Protein backbone atom coordinates (compact mmCIF):
# COMPACT_ATOMS: atom_id res chain seq x y z
CA MET A 1 76.36 1.21 -88.77
CA GLU A 2 73.33 2.85 -87.28
CA ILE A 3 70.36 3.10 -89.64
CA LYS A 4 67.74 5.62 -88.86
CA MET A 5 64.47 5.66 -90.72
CA GLU A 6 62.03 8.45 -89.85
CA LYS A 7 58.58 8.66 -91.03
CA LEU A 8 58.55 6.73 -94.09
CA TRP A 9 55.83 6.50 -96.33
CA ILE A 10 55.20 4.84 -99.77
CA LYS A 11 51.60 4.02 -101.32
CA PHE A 12 50.65 0.50 -102.83
CA ASP A 13 47.18 -0.07 -104.70
CA GLU A 14 46.67 -2.45 -101.79
CA TRP A 15 48.16 -1.01 -98.79
CA LYS A 16 51.26 1.48 -97.78
CA LEU A 17 54.23 1.49 -95.75
CA ASP A 18 54.09 4.09 -93.02
CA PHE A 19 56.17 4.00 -89.58
CA SER A 20 59.70 5.13 -88.21
CA LEU A 21 62.71 2.98 -87.61
CA GLU A 22 65.93 2.86 -85.83
CA ILE A 23 68.70 -0.49 -86.11
CA LYS A 24 71.85 0.03 -83.91
CA SER A 25 75.16 -0.44 -85.35
CA GLY A 26 76.48 -4.18 -85.21
CA LYS A 27 73.18 -5.91 -84.46
CA PHE A 28 71.38 -8.86 -86.55
CA VAL A 29 67.91 -7.79 -87.32
CA SER A 30 65.85 -9.97 -89.09
CA VAL A 31 62.52 -8.53 -90.67
CA VAL A 32 59.45 -11.34 -90.87
CA GLY A 33 55.72 -11.24 -91.70
CA PRO A 34 53.63 -12.53 -94.29
CA SER A 35 54.35 -12.39 -97.99
CA GLY A 36 53.78 -9.28 -99.60
CA CYS A 37 53.55 -7.46 -95.99
CA GLY A 38 56.53 -4.92 -97.12
CA LYS A 39 59.46 -6.51 -95.76
CA THR A 40 61.17 -6.75 -98.80
CA THR A 41 60.11 -3.17 -99.93
CA LEU A 42 61.53 -2.17 -96.80
CA LEU A 43 65.14 -3.28 -98.06
CA ARG A 44 64.97 -1.71 -101.20
CA ILE A 45 64.39 1.17 -99.38
CA ILE A 46 67.05 1.12 -97.27
CA SER A 47 69.27 0.23 -100.11
CA GLY A 48 68.29 2.81 -102.71
CA LEU A 49 66.16 1.22 -104.86
CA GLN A 50 62.78 2.22 -103.99
CA GLU A 51 61.92 5.88 -103.40
CA SER A 52 60.05 6.49 -100.65
CA LYS A 53 59.25 9.71 -98.63
CA GLY A 54 60.83 10.61 -95.20
CA LYS A 55 64.32 10.48 -94.24
CA ILE A 56 66.85 7.78 -93.72
CA PHE A 57 70.39 8.09 -92.43
CA PHE A 58 73.40 5.74 -91.91
CA GLY A 59 75.21 7.07 -89.05
CA ASP A 60 74.70 11.11 -89.04
CA LYS A 61 74.84 10.94 -92.15
CA GLU A 62 71.44 11.94 -94.47
CA VAL A 63 71.56 9.07 -97.18
CA THR A 64 67.47 9.66 -98.67
CA LYS A 65 68.93 11.08 -102.22
CA VAL A 66 72.22 9.31 -102.32
CA PRO A 67 72.18 6.21 -105.18
CA THR A 68 72.35 2.73 -104.24
CA GLU A 69 76.18 2.78 -105.86
CA LYS A 70 77.41 5.24 -103.17
CA ARG A 71 75.28 3.77 -99.66
CA ASN A 72 78.57 1.52 -99.17
CA ILE A 73 75.97 -1.17 -98.85
CA GLY A 74 76.60 -5.21 -99.45
CA PHE A 75 72.68 -6.86 -101.02
CA VAL A 76 72.26 -10.54 -101.01
CA PHE A 77 68.76 -11.00 -103.38
CA GLN A 78 66.34 -13.81 -103.46
CA GLY A 79 67.51 -16.78 -105.74
CA ASP A 80 70.58 -17.42 -107.63
CA SER A 81 72.23 -13.67 -108.65
CA LEU A 82 75.50 -15.19 -109.92
CA PHE A 83 76.85 -14.57 -113.19
CA PRO A 84 76.79 -17.89 -114.93
CA HIS A 85 79.73 -17.13 -117.82
CA LEU A 86 82.19 -16.17 -114.96
CA ASN A 87 83.89 -18.17 -112.41
CA VAL A 88 83.73 -17.58 -108.40
CA PHE A 89 86.61 -14.87 -108.43
CA ASP A 90 85.52 -12.78 -110.96
CA ASN A 91 81.88 -13.02 -109.59
CA ILE A 92 83.42 -11.70 -106.11
CA ALA A 93 85.33 -9.08 -108.21
CA PHE A 94 82.79 -7.70 -110.61
CA GLY A 95 81.62 -5.06 -107.96
CA LEU A 96 84.88 -4.03 -106.98
CA LYS A 97 85.86 -3.15 -110.60
CA MET A 98 82.77 -1.54 -111.29
CA LYS A 99 84.06 0.57 -108.13
CA LYS A 100 87.51 0.72 -109.31
CA GLU A 101 88.76 -0.72 -105.61
CA LYS A 102 92.13 -1.36 -105.26
CA GLN A 103 93.80 -4.52 -103.79
CA ILE A 104 91.34 -6.87 -106.09
CA LYS A 105 92.80 -9.88 -105.38
CA GLU A 106 93.13 -9.54 -101.79
CA LYS A 107 89.65 -8.36 -100.89
CA VAL A 108 88.40 -11.29 -102.82
CA LEU A 109 90.82 -14.01 -101.13
CA ASN A 110 89.51 -12.34 -97.84
CA ALA A 111 85.80 -12.50 -98.44
CA LEU A 112 86.28 -16.00 -99.85
CA SER A 113 88.28 -17.08 -96.28
CA LEU A 114 85.63 -15.23 -94.37
CA VAL A 115 82.59 -17.77 -96.82
CA HIS A 116 85.10 -20.44 -96.00
CA LEU A 117 85.63 -21.24 -99.77
CA ASN A 118 89.43 -21.11 -100.18
CA GLY A 119 90.69 -22.76 -103.22
CA PHE A 120 87.59 -21.93 -104.51
CA GLU A 121 89.04 -19.01 -107.56
CA LYS A 122 88.55 -20.34 -110.41
CA ARG A 123 85.49 -23.16 -109.66
CA ASN A 124 82.57 -22.60 -112.53
CA THR A 125 79.24 -21.34 -110.53
CA VAL A 126 77.09 -23.49 -112.41
CA ASN A 127 78.86 -26.58 -110.78
CA LEU A 128 78.43 -25.07 -107.39
CA SER A 129 75.96 -26.26 -104.79
CA GLY A 130 72.85 -24.35 -103.51
CA GLY A 131 74.79 -23.32 -100.09
CA GLU A 132 78.04 -22.58 -102.12
CA LYS A 133 76.75 -20.54 -104.25
CA ARG A 134 74.50 -18.63 -101.01
CA ARG A 135 78.10 -18.27 -99.60
CA VAL A 136 79.42 -16.71 -102.80
CA GLU A 137 76.55 -13.96 -103.09
CA ILE A 138 77.96 -13.04 -99.68
CA ALA A 139 81.58 -13.37 -100.31
CA ARG A 140 80.64 -10.83 -103.01
CA ALA A 141 78.27 -8.19 -101.12
CA ILE A 142 80.86 -7.96 -98.64
CA ALA A 143 84.00 -8.17 -100.06
CA PHE A 144 84.24 -4.16 -100.43
CA GLU A 145 84.18 -3.95 -96.55
CA PRO A 146 80.15 -2.39 -96.24
CA GLY A 147 79.20 -0.87 -93.30
CA LEU A 148 75.68 -2.52 -93.81
CA LEU A 149 74.83 -5.94 -95.14
CA LEU A 150 70.88 -6.91 -96.24
CA LEU A 151 69.81 -10.08 -96.81
CA ASP A 152 66.67 -11.21 -98.66
CA GLU A 153 65.50 -14.73 -97.72
CA PRO A 154 69.06 -15.91 -98.00
CA LEU A 155 68.06 -18.97 -96.91
CA ASN A 156 65.10 -19.65 -99.17
CA GLY A 157 65.37 -22.79 -101.20
CA LEU A 158 67.82 -24.79 -99.47
CA ASP A 159 66.61 -28.36 -98.02
CA ALA A 160 66.49 -28.22 -94.61
CA ASN A 161 70.31 -29.65 -93.51
CA LEU A 162 71.97 -27.38 -95.71
CA LYS A 163 69.24 -24.62 -94.55
CA GLU A 164 70.77 -25.70 -90.54
CA LYS A 165 74.36 -25.44 -91.86
CA MET A 166 74.01 -21.84 -93.23
CA LYS A 167 71.97 -20.65 -90.62
CA LEU A 168 75.43 -21.71 -88.58
CA PHE A 169 77.08 -19.97 -90.59
CA LEU A 170 75.34 -16.78 -91.07
CA LYS A 171 76.03 -16.52 -86.81
CA GLU A 172 79.33 -17.25 -87.13
CA LEU A 173 79.63 -14.62 -90.18
CA SER A 174 77.86 -11.85 -87.93
CA GLU A 175 80.17 -12.19 -84.91
CA LYS A 176 83.28 -12.49 -86.92
CA THR A 177 82.47 -9.09 -88.68
CA GLY A 178 80.46 -7.00 -86.94
CA LEU A 179 78.36 -5.98 -89.38
CA THR A 180 75.09 -4.47 -89.21
CA MET A 181 72.86 -7.29 -90.64
CA ILE A 182 69.56 -6.88 -91.75
CA MET A 183 67.42 -10.38 -92.98
CA VAL A 184 64.14 -10.85 -94.46
CA THR A 185 62.15 -14.45 -93.86
CA HIS A 186 59.25 -15.69 -93.44
CA ASP A 187 60.70 -17.90 -91.33
CA ILE A 188 60.56 -17.01 -87.75
CA ASP A 189 62.67 -19.88 -86.84
CA GLU A 190 65.60 -18.75 -88.57
CA ALA A 191 64.99 -15.15 -86.95
CA PHE A 192 64.93 -16.88 -83.58
CA PHE A 193 67.93 -18.13 -84.25
CA LEU A 194 70.04 -15.66 -85.58
CA SER A 195 68.34 -12.50 -84.71
CA ASP A 196 69.75 -9.71 -81.77
CA GLU A 197 66.30 -8.10 -82.90
CA ILE A 198 63.18 -9.50 -85.27
CA ILE A 199 60.92 -6.93 -86.07
CA VAL A 200 57.58 -8.22 -87.11
CA MET A 201 55.59 -6.80 -90.10
CA ASP A 202 52.03 -6.66 -91.54
CA SER A 203 50.59 -4.87 -94.77
CA GLY A 204 53.39 -1.75 -94.68
CA ARG A 205 53.26 -1.87 -90.47
CA ILE A 206 55.44 -2.70 -87.42
CA GLU A 207 53.22 -4.87 -85.36
CA GLN A 208 56.11 -4.99 -82.78
CA THR A 209 59.97 -4.82 -82.58
CA GLY A 210 61.93 -6.67 -80.09
CA LYS A 211 64.34 -9.12 -78.85
CA PRO A 212 63.54 -12.61 -79.66
CA THR A 213 62.50 -13.79 -76.48
CA GLU A 214 60.18 -10.41 -75.99
CA ILE A 215 58.15 -11.22 -79.21
CA PHE A 216 57.53 -14.91 -78.22
CA LEU A 217 56.86 -14.39 -74.60
CA ASN A 218 55.54 -10.90 -74.67
CA PRO A 219 53.16 -10.46 -78.59
CA ALA A 220 52.59 -6.90 -78.95
CA ASN A 221 49.02 -7.70 -80.00
CA ASP A 222 46.40 -10.81 -81.85
CA PHE A 223 48.83 -10.80 -85.27
CA VAL A 224 52.48 -11.11 -83.61
CA ARG A 225 50.70 -14.00 -81.35
CA ASN A 226 49.32 -15.57 -84.03
CA PHE A 227 52.73 -15.59 -86.24
CA VAL A 228 54.74 -16.82 -83.83
CA SER A 229 52.16 -19.25 -82.00
CA ASP A 230 53.48 -22.35 -84.05
CA TYR A 231 56.58 -22.28 -82.05
CA VAL A 232 57.27 -23.19 -78.44
CA LEU A 233 60.21 -21.97 -76.35
CA ILE A 234 61.82 -23.89 -73.40
CA GLU A 235 64.08 -23.08 -70.92
CA GLY A 236 66.99 -24.71 -69.26
CA LYS A 237 70.53 -24.55 -68.60
CA GLN A 238 73.80 -25.08 -70.35
CA LYS A 239 75.92 -28.13 -68.19
CA ILE A 240 78.71 -29.90 -68.76
CA VAL A 241 78.45 -33.80 -67.74
CA LYS A 242 81.63 -35.96 -68.05
CA GLY A 243 82.91 -33.55 -70.56
CA LYS A 244 79.40 -33.29 -73.13
CA LYS A 245 77.57 -30.34 -73.20
CA MET A 246 74.34 -30.91 -71.64
CA ILE A 247 70.61 -28.88 -71.40
CA GLU A 248 68.98 -29.18 -67.93
CA GLY A 249 65.57 -28.14 -67.45
CA LYS A 250 61.61 -28.72 -66.31
CA PHE A 251 59.92 -29.42 -70.16
CA LEU A 252 56.42 -29.59 -70.90
CA LEU A 253 55.84 -30.79 -74.35
CA PRO A 254 52.50 -31.07 -76.43
CA VAL A 255 52.39 -34.40 -77.97
CA LYS A 256 49.56 -35.88 -79.94
CA GLY A 257 48.67 -39.64 -79.77
CA LYS A 258 49.75 -41.78 -76.88
CA GLY A 259 53.61 -43.05 -76.54
CA LYS A 260 56.89 -41.19 -75.66
CA ALA A 261 58.20 -38.38 -77.37
CA PHE A 262 61.50 -37.21 -77.44
CA ILE A 263 63.96 -34.43 -78.57
CA ASN A 264 66.83 -35.13 -81.05
CA PHE A 265 69.20 -32.65 -79.68
CA LYS A 266 72.20 -33.10 -82.41
CA LYS A 267 69.88 -31.76 -85.05
CA THR A 268 68.12 -29.08 -82.88
CA ASN A 269 70.40 -25.45 -82.69
CA TYR A 270 70.05 -23.27 -79.86
CA LYS A 271 70.30 -19.90 -78.94
CA PHE A 272 70.96 -19.10 -75.52
CA PHE A 273 70.02 -16.18 -73.38
CA GLU A 274 71.62 -14.53 -70.11
């Protein structure tokens, strides 16, 4: 689903949101920026939970006045939004029942398969791990086969190891489903690994939109440059050496103090560019 926003405008006490934006179908797009810059507000406008001036199109259809429940959007909110009194199956089926969908069992099981939670139907959500809960929330959001999936800080609150696993899972989900996915995050590392395109926001403005490499290598202004300044890109080529994947390149890395610096490649995720 292609998303087009024309002349969005909404005024708050300290800043206003004012821009136009287009997101191509099937892309994973991350919206990054400091807290309070308007990232979540943008998701709420797209979903119809927040009114604003301007026009919103899903494909060729204008949805500016269309209510949230009729926009065919899956939304994963911040924090734990599961119903503790319902098991995994009933949590995922809840929205399907509200929409009076058919073949509910088949759709729930298919969603569980996509998030690698086969056999979890009868589990109590209270006993799930943080990553499992997040995947159930995603399964609930995609069970009715939406055209767009919105993710508001989906990795927030997870420990480092689990966060890395969830990044790989989201990458796989994007590739498997072909869904248009828009993720809000304050973590540029998450955005860089997952995204086809990154939108950098500040105080309701879009400071830059582009591919991850463009954002890092050619920041549009000082704000973007400072926002990505704590991250370093290194260039290398993937090759197979004695049956193992290796990365070869010329690396010049800043280090503090004396001695040698090593990179633990086993714990590092990569995003390769053609």
